[in-house]
């Protein structure tokens, strides 16, 4: 059973940085892709970045390139999202997700593939 628990959100001033964590359990093998999504008030949920759990390959949405860094620590079963130079428009609930792609095409398409599992989310608020 996959469980995802986010932490690390909070109130930050614009220009600051923040590192979100996701404690992962129940994920093993070569078929899991982990990702961060976010949802701002009044906006649709959007994909931020993804990482293949067993090898660490990464993908980023275009807006996230340069300021967001997704990493993992397999020894701690934890995924991270480091955000630099925070902007007020980064204010959102950030979600940790997991997708089991066993039997699927080898071409991972994070922009359109719906995750199988979601954490409860962690609030990030950036003040101007």
N, C-alpha and C. Protein backbone atom coordinates (compact mmCIF):
# COMPACT_ATOMS: atom_id res chain seq x y z
N UNK A 1 0.84 -1.19 0.00
CA UNK A 1 0.00 0.00 0.00
C UNK A 1 0.88 1.24 0.00
N UNK A 2 0.67 2.09 -0.99
CA UNK A 2 1.48 3.29 -1.13
C UNK A 2 0.95 4.38 -0.20
N UNK A 3 1.87 4.98 0.52
CA UNK A 3 1.52 6.13 1.36
C UNK A 3 2.53 7.24 1.11
N UNK A 4 2.02 8.45 1.02
CA UNK A 4 2.84 9.62 0.73
C UNK A 4 2.50 10.71 1.72
N UNK A 5 3.51 11.23 2.39
CA UNK A 5 3.27 12.27 3.39
C UNK A 5 4.21 13.44 3.14
N UNK A 6 3.63 14.57 2.79
CA UNK A 6 4.42 15.77 2.51
C UNK A 6 4.68 16.57 3.78
N UNK A 7 5.76 17.33 3.75
CA UNK A 7 6.07 18.26 4.82
C UNK A 7 6.99 19.34 4.25
N UNK A 8 7.18 20.39 5.05
CA UNK A 8 8.13 21.42 4.66
C UNK A 8 7.53 22.70 4.12
N UNK A 9 6.23 22.71 3.94
CA UNK A 9 5.61 23.94 3.47
C UNK A 9 5.61 25.02 4.54
N UNK A 10 5.20 26.21 4.14
CA UNK A 10 5.15 27.31 5.10
C UNK A 10 5.03 28.64 4.41
N UNK A 11 5.22 29.69 5.21
CA UNK A 11 5.16 31.06 4.71
C UNK A 11 6.59 31.55 4.47
N UNK A 12 6.85 32.01 3.27
CA UNK A 12 8.19 32.44 2.89
C UNK A 12 8.09 33.77 2.15
N UNK A 13 9.09 34.60 2.31
CA UNK A 13 9.13 35.86 1.57
C UNK A 13 9.59 35.62 0.14
N UNK A 14 9.12 36.44 -0.75
CA UNK A 14 9.55 36.35 -2.14
C UNK A 14 11.07 36.45 -2.21
N UNK A 15 11.66 35.62 -3.05
CA UNK A 15 13.11 35.58 -3.18
C UNK A 15 13.76 34.52 -2.32
N UNK A 16 13.03 34.01 -1.37
CA UNK A 16 13.56 32.97 -0.51
C UNK A 16 13.50 31.60 -1.15
N UNK A 17 13.88 30.60 -0.38
CA UNK A 17 13.85 29.23 -0.89
C UNK A 17 13.18 28.32 0.13
N UNK A 18 12.79 27.17 -0.36
CA UNK A 18 12.07 26.22 0.49
C UNK A 18 12.35 24.82 -0.03
N UNK A 19 12.42 23.85 0.86
CA UNK A 19 12.62 22.47 0.46
C UNK A 19 11.47 21.64 1.02
N UNK A 20 10.68 21.09 0.13
CA UNK A 20 9.58 20.22 0.50
C UNK A 20 10.06 18.78 0.54
N UNK A 21 9.48 18.02 1.44
CA UNK A 21 9.82 16.60 1.57
C UNK A 21 8.56 15.75 1.40
N UNK A 22 8.78 14.54 0.92
CA UNK A 22 7.69 13.58 0.80
C UNK A 22 8.20 12.24 1.31
N UNK A 23 7.66 11.79 2.42
CA UNK A 23 8.01 10.47 2.94
C UNK A 23 7.21 9.43 2.17
N UNK A 24 7.93 8.47 1.61
CA UNK A 24 7.33 7.49 0.71
C UNK A 24 7.37 6.10 1.32
N UNK A 25 6.26 5.42 1.26
CA UNK A 25 6.24 4.01 1.67
C UNK A 25 5.39 3.22 0.70
N UNK A 26 5.74 1.93 0.55
CA UNK A 26 4.98 1.07 -0.34
C UNK A 26 5.38 1.15 -1.80
N UNK A 27 6.43 1.90 -2.10
CA UNK A 27 6.90 2.04 -3.49
C UNK A 27 8.18 1.24 -3.64
N UNK A 28 8.20 0.33 -4.60
CA UNK A 28 9.40 -0.46 -4.84
C UNK A 28 9.42 -0.92 -6.29
N UNK A 29 10.54 -1.46 -6.70
CA UNK A 29 10.64 -1.96 -8.07
C UNK A 29 11.01 -0.87 -9.04
N UNK A 30 10.90 -1.21 -10.33
CA UNK A 30 11.38 -0.32 -11.38
C UNK A 30 10.27 0.46 -12.07
N UNK A 31 9.03 0.29 -11.64
CA UNK A 31 7.92 0.85 -12.41
C UNK A 31 7.32 2.14 -11.86
N UNK A 32 7.85 2.62 -10.73
CA UNK A 32 7.23 3.78 -10.10
C UNK A 32 7.88 5.10 -10.53
N UNK A 33 7.02 6.03 -10.87
CA UNK A 33 7.43 7.39 -11.16
C UNK A 33 6.78 8.29 -10.12
N UNK A 34 7.59 9.11 -9.49
CA UNK A 34 7.10 10.02 -8.46
C UNK A 34 7.06 11.44 -9.03
N UNK A 35 6.12 12.22 -8.57
CA UNK A 35 6.02 13.58 -9.12
C UNK A 35 5.46 14.54 -8.08
N UNK A 36 5.78 15.80 -8.28
CA UNK A 36 5.18 16.89 -7.50
C UNK A 36 4.18 17.61 -8.41
N UNK A 37 3.00 17.86 -7.85
CA UNK A 37 2.00 18.69 -8.48
C UNK A 37 1.71 19.86 -7.54
N UNK A 38 1.06 20.88 -8.07
CA UNK A 38 0.63 21.98 -7.22
C UNK A 38 -0.70 22.50 -7.70
N UNK A 39 -1.41 23.11 -6.77
CA UNK A 39 -2.68 23.74 -7.12
C UNK A 39 -2.79 25.06 -6.38
N UNK A 40 -2.83 26.13 -7.14
CA UNK A 40 -2.98 27.46 -6.59
C UNK A 40 -4.46 27.78 -6.43
N UNK A 41 -4.79 28.73 -5.55
CA UNK A 41 -6.20 29.09 -5.35
C UNK A 41 -6.86 29.53 -6.65
N UNK A 42 -7.99 28.91 -6.97
CA UNK A 42 -8.73 29.28 -8.15
C UNK A 42 -8.15 28.81 -9.46
N UNK A 43 -7.11 27.98 -9.39
CA UNK A 43 -6.47 27.51 -10.62
C UNK A 43 -6.50 25.99 -10.68
N UNK A 44 -6.27 25.48 -11.87
CA UNK A 44 -6.21 24.04 -12.04
C UNK A 44 -4.89 23.50 -11.48
N UNK A 45 -4.96 22.26 -11.11
CA UNK A 45 -3.77 21.57 -10.64
C UNK A 45 -2.77 21.45 -11.79
N UNK A 46 -1.47 21.60 -11.49
CA UNK A 46 -0.47 21.48 -12.54
C UNK A 46 0.72 20.65 -12.07
N UNK A 47 1.27 19.96 -13.02
CA UNK A 47 2.46 19.13 -12.80
C UNK A 47 3.67 20.04 -12.68
N UNK A 48 4.56 19.73 -11.72
CA UNK A 48 5.76 20.53 -11.50
C UNK A 48 7.01 19.80 -11.99
N UNK A 49 7.25 18.61 -11.41
CA UNK A 49 8.46 17.86 -11.74
C UNK A 49 8.25 16.40 -11.37
N UNK A 50 9.05 15.52 -11.98
CA UNK A 50 8.91 14.09 -11.72
C UNK A 50 10.28 13.43 -11.66
N UNK A 51 10.32 12.26 -11.04
CA UNK A 51 11.55 11.51 -10.91
C UNK A 51 11.24 10.02 -10.93
N UNK A 52 12.06 9.27 -11.65
CA UNK A 52 11.88 7.82 -11.66
C UNK A 52 12.50 7.26 -10.40
N UNK A 53 11.72 6.54 -9.64
CA UNK A 53 12.11 6.22 -8.28
C UNK A 53 13.37 5.36 -8.20
N UNK A 54 13.55 4.41 -9.11
CA UNK A 54 14.67 3.49 -8.94
C UNK A 54 15.98 4.04 -9.50
N UNK A 55 15.93 4.95 -10.48
CA UNK A 55 17.18 5.41 -11.09
C UNK A 55 17.41 6.91 -10.98
N UNK A 56 16.39 7.68 -10.64
CA UNK A 56 16.58 9.11 -10.42
C UNK A 56 16.50 9.99 -11.65
N UNK A 57 16.09 9.47 -12.78
CA UNK A 57 15.88 10.31 -13.95
C UNK A 57 14.81 11.35 -13.63
N UNK A 58 14.99 12.57 -14.17
CA UNK A 58 14.07 13.64 -13.80
C UNK A 58 13.42 14.30 -15.02
N UNK A 59 12.26 14.88 -14.79
CA UNK A 59 11.53 15.66 -15.80
C UNK A 59 11.00 16.92 -15.12
N UNK A 60 10.90 18.01 -15.87
CA UNK A 60 10.38 19.25 -15.33
C UNK A 60 9.39 19.88 -16.30
N UNK A 61 8.34 20.46 -15.71
CA UNK A 61 7.48 21.30 -16.51
C UNK A 61 8.29 22.53 -16.90
N UNK A 62 7.93 23.14 -18.00
CA UNK A 62 8.74 24.26 -18.48
C UNK A 62 8.89 25.36 -17.45
N UNK A 63 7.83 25.68 -16.72
CA UNK A 63 7.90 26.80 -15.77
C UNK A 63 8.84 26.48 -14.61
N UNK A 64 9.08 25.21 -14.37
CA UNK A 64 9.87 24.79 -13.21
C UNK A 64 11.37 24.70 -13.50
N UNK A 65 11.73 24.75 -14.76
CA UNK A 65 13.15 24.62 -15.10
C UNK A 65 13.91 25.84 -14.62
N UNK A 66 14.97 25.58 -13.86
CA UNK A 66 15.83 26.65 -13.39
C UNK A 66 15.61 27.03 -11.93
N UNK A 67 14.39 26.90 -11.40
CA UNK A 67 14.13 27.27 -10.01
C UNK A 67 13.70 26.10 -9.13
N UNK A 68 13.28 25.02 -9.75
CA UNK A 68 12.82 23.86 -8.99
C UNK A 68 13.79 22.70 -9.23
N UNK A 69 14.08 21.97 -8.15
CA UNK A 69 14.95 20.80 -8.27
C UNK A 69 14.32 19.63 -7.53
N UNK A 70 14.08 18.55 -8.25
CA UNK A 70 13.51 17.35 -7.64
C UNK A 70 14.63 16.35 -7.41
N UNK A 71 14.65 15.79 -6.21
CA UNK A 71 15.65 14.79 -5.86
C UNK A 71 15.01 13.71 -5.00
N UNK A 72 15.78 12.69 -4.73
CA UNK A 72 15.30 11.63 -3.85
C UNK A 72 16.45 11.09 -3.03
N UNK A 73 16.12 10.55 -1.88
CA UNK A 73 17.09 9.86 -1.04
C UNK A 73 16.51 8.48 -0.79
N UNK A 74 16.99 7.52 -1.55
CA UNK A 74 16.41 6.17 -1.46
C UNK A 74 16.63 5.56 -0.08
N UNK A 75 17.74 5.88 0.55
CA UNK A 75 18.03 5.33 1.88
C UNK A 75 17.00 5.80 2.90
N UNK A 76 16.48 6.99 2.68
CA UNK A 76 15.48 7.55 3.60
C UNK A 76 14.06 7.42 3.06
N UNK A 77 13.92 6.83 1.87
CA UNK A 77 12.59 6.72 1.24
C UNK A 77 11.89 8.07 1.22
N UNK A 78 12.61 9.07 0.77
CA UNK A 78 12.09 10.44 0.77
C UNK A 78 12.38 11.11 -0.56
N UNK A 79 11.40 11.84 -1.04
CA UNK A 79 11.55 12.66 -2.24
C UNK A 79 11.52 14.12 -1.80
N UNK A 80 12.22 14.96 -2.56
CA UNK A 80 12.32 16.37 -2.20
C UNK A 80 11.97 17.24 -3.40
N UNK A 81 11.55 18.45 -3.08
CA UNK A 81 11.41 19.50 -4.09
C UNK A 81 12.00 20.77 -3.51
N UNK A 82 13.14 21.15 -4.04
CA UNK A 82 13.78 22.40 -3.64
C UNK A 82 13.30 23.50 -4.56
N UNK A 83 12.84 24.59 -3.97
CA UNK A 83 12.37 25.71 -4.76
C UNK A 83 13.20 26.94 -4.42
N UNK A 84 13.80 27.54 -5.43
CA UNK A 84 14.62 28.73 -5.25
C UNK A 84 13.90 29.96 -5.77
N UNK A 85 14.34 31.12 -5.30
CA UNK A 85 13.81 32.40 -5.79
C UNK A 85 12.29 32.39 -5.86
N UNK A 86 11.69 32.06 -4.74
CA UNK A 86 10.24 31.93 -4.68
C UNK A 86 9.55 33.22 -5.10
N UNK A 87 8.43 33.04 -5.80
CA UNK A 87 7.61 34.15 -6.26
C UNK A 87 6.20 34.01 -5.67
N UNK A 88 5.48 35.12 -5.53
CA UNK A 88 4.11 35.00 -5.02
C UNK A 88 3.25 34.03 -5.82
N UNK A 89 3.51 33.92 -7.12
CA UNK A 89 2.73 33.00 -7.95
C UNK A 89 3.06 31.53 -7.69
N UNK A 90 4.07 31.26 -6.86
CA UNK A 90 4.35 29.88 -6.45
C UNK A 90 3.44 29.45 -5.30
N UNK A 91 2.67 30.39 -4.77
CA UNK A 91 1.75 30.06 -3.68
C UNK A 91 0.75 29.00 -4.15
N UNK A 92 0.72 27.88 -3.43
CA UNK A 92 -0.12 26.76 -3.83
C UNK A 92 -0.03 25.66 -2.78
N UNK A 93 -0.91 24.70 -2.91
CA UNK A 93 -0.75 23.45 -2.17
C UNK A 93 0.06 22.52 -3.06
N UNK A 94 1.14 22.00 -2.52
CA UNK A 94 2.02 21.11 -3.27
C UNK A 94 1.76 19.66 -2.85
N UNK A 95 1.58 18.82 -3.87
CA UNK A 95 1.24 17.43 -3.63
C UNK A 95 2.33 16.49 -4.13
N UNK A 96 2.60 15.50 -3.35
CA UNK A 96 3.49 14.40 -3.73
C UNK A 96 2.62 13.30 -4.35
N UNK A 97 3.07 12.75 -5.46
CA UNK A 97 2.27 11.72 -6.13
C UNK A 97 3.15 10.55 -6.57
N UNK A 98 2.48 9.45 -6.85
CA UNK A 98 3.17 8.26 -7.34
C UNK A 98 2.34 7.60 -8.43
N UNK A 99 3.04 7.07 -9.43
CA UNK A 99 2.35 6.34 -10.50
C UNK A 99 3.09 5.05 -10.78
N UNK A 100 2.36 3.98 -10.79
CA UNK A 100 2.92 2.67 -11.13
C UNK A 100 2.72 2.45 -12.62
N UNK A 101 3.83 2.49 -13.40
CA UNK A 101 3.74 2.37 -14.86
C UNK A 101 4.08 0.96 -15.35
N UNK A 102 3.91 0.00 -14.49
CA UNK A 102 4.15 -1.39 -14.88
C UNK A 102 3.24 -1.76 -16.05
N UNK A 103 3.84 -2.21 -17.15
CA UNK A 103 3.07 -2.62 -18.31
C UNK A 103 2.72 -1.51 -19.27
N UNK A 104 3.12 -0.28 -18.94
CA UNK A 104 2.79 0.86 -19.80
C UNK A 104 3.92 1.12 -20.80
N UNK A 105 3.65 2.02 -21.73
CA UNK A 105 4.66 2.43 -22.70
C UNK A 105 5.91 2.91 -21.98
N UNK A 106 7.07 2.68 -22.56
CA UNK A 106 8.31 3.17 -21.92
C UNK A 106 8.45 4.69 -21.96
N UNK A 107 7.58 5.35 -22.70
CA UNK A 107 7.70 6.80 -22.83
C UNK A 107 6.80 7.49 -21.80
N UNK A 108 7.42 7.98 -20.77
CA UNK A 108 6.70 8.62 -19.67
C UNK A 108 6.30 10.02 -20.09
N UNK A 109 5.02 10.34 -19.92
CA UNK A 109 4.48 11.65 -20.29
C UNK A 109 3.84 12.29 -19.08
N UNK A 110 4.64 12.93 -18.23
CA UNK A 110 4.11 13.44 -16.96
C UNK A 110 3.04 14.51 -17.11
N UNK A 111 3.02 15.20 -18.26
CA UNK A 111 2.02 16.26 -18.43
C UNK A 111 0.62 15.70 -18.58
N UNK A 112 0.51 14.46 -19.02
CA UNK A 112 -0.83 13.92 -19.27
C UNK A 112 -1.16 12.67 -18.47
N UNK A 113 -0.17 12.07 -17.83
CA UNK A 113 -0.44 10.84 -17.08
C UNK A 113 -0.89 11.15 -15.67
N UNK A 114 -2.06 10.69 -15.33
CA UNK A 114 -2.62 10.95 -14.01
C UNK A 114 -1.97 10.03 -12.97
N UNK A 115 -1.48 10.59 -11.88
CA UNK A 115 -0.90 9.74 -10.82
C UNK A 115 -1.92 8.78 -10.23
N UNK A 116 -1.40 7.68 -9.66
CA UNK A 116 -2.26 6.71 -9.00
C UNK A 116 -2.49 7.05 -7.53
N UNK A 117 -1.50 7.69 -6.92
CA UNK A 117 -1.56 7.96 -5.49
C UNK A 117 -1.19 9.42 -5.22
N UNK A 118 -1.84 9.98 -4.20
CA UNK A 118 -1.62 11.38 -3.83
C UNK A 118 -1.40 11.49 -2.33
N UNK A 119 -0.52 12.41 -1.95
CA UNK A 119 -0.42 12.76 -0.55
C UNK A 119 -1.48 13.78 -0.20
N UNK A 120 -1.44 14.25 1.04
CA UNK A 120 -2.48 15.18 1.51
C UNK A 120 -2.17 16.62 1.15
N UNK A 121 -0.93 16.87 0.75
CA UNK A 121 -0.53 18.22 0.33
C UNK A 121 0.09 19.03 1.45
N UNK A 122 0.93 19.97 1.05
CA UNK A 122 1.53 20.90 2.00
C UNK A 122 1.44 22.30 1.41
N UNK A 123 1.01 23.25 2.22
CA UNK A 123 0.76 24.62 1.76
C UNK A 123 2.06 25.42 1.68
N UNK A 124 2.28 26.05 0.56
CA UNK A 124 3.37 27.00 0.40
C UNK A 124 2.76 28.36 0.11
N UNK A 125 3.12 29.34 0.93
CA UNK A 125 2.62 30.70 0.74
C UNK A 125 3.81 31.63 0.63
N UNK A 126 3.85 32.38 -0.46
CA UNK A 126 4.95 33.30 -0.71
C UNK A 126 4.43 34.72 -0.61
N UNK A 127 4.99 35.48 0.31
CA UNK A 127 4.57 36.86 0.49
C UNK A 127 5.45 37.80 -0.33
N UNK A 128 4.84 38.86 -0.83
CA UNK A 128 5.59 39.81 -1.66
C UNK A 128 6.22 40.91 -0.83
